[in-house]
Amino acid sequence: MKPLLICDCDEVLLHMVRHFRDWLGEHHAIDFAVGHHDFATAMTRRDGSAPPAQAEMWQLLGGFFPAEMHRQTLVPHAAEALATLAEQADIVILTNLQDECQAPRLAQLSAFGINHRVQCNTGGKGEPVARLVAEHGDPVTVFVDDLAVHHASVAKHAPGVHRLHMISEPEMASHVPPAPDAHARIDDWREAVVWIGQRFAAGRSAD
């Protein structure tokens, strides 16, 4: 049975917030503070009027995905790391996007040489991670994500999964502490591929 890597996409494999920031400024006259890591409080209007409420924030994100996904760029060393890990493990990209974004995300990743199953999701990732682990026969599994809330969700629903907190956007990483429910925090794929490979080689769950 192969090990399993379940990996987020935005700010793990592909840069997103820097390009979302540029798009907000160009098309909506909104400034976005990348370091916040909280979209609800990161946006300010250049005309000084009230910042976008949460509902408008989601609308703006909906305007970026999938229409502006072509702006996104590959995180350094991510494609090479996944290629190395794919030699020994199955890989699933678990991304918090609506289902209509699955095909665009597949095409987007494929353009960067990343060709793995993509599963869309909304809300916490713990339950979908548990389902994926069961589907693959309960192998040694590593979960990689940039958001602490998802590590907490996976810790609750799939505690045997190894959890790696990664924030590949340098402007954001320096402002965000390590996720309390992650087993490690590594923001560089050259180091992450070693850590993940060690978990696979050990052959033991996080329990």
Foldseek 3Di string as FASTA:
>chain_A
DFEEEEEEPDQQWKDDPVLLQVCCCVPPQWHAQQQPVDLQPGIDHPVRDDGDHPVVSVVSVVVCPPPVVVSIDTQPPRLVLVVVSVVGHAYEHEYADDPVRLVVVQVSVVVVVDHHHYDYDHDACQVVVLVVCVVVPNWAYEYEDQDLRNLVSVCVRPVQHAYEHERQDVSHVVNDDDRPNHPYYDHDSVVVSVVVVVSRVVRGTPD
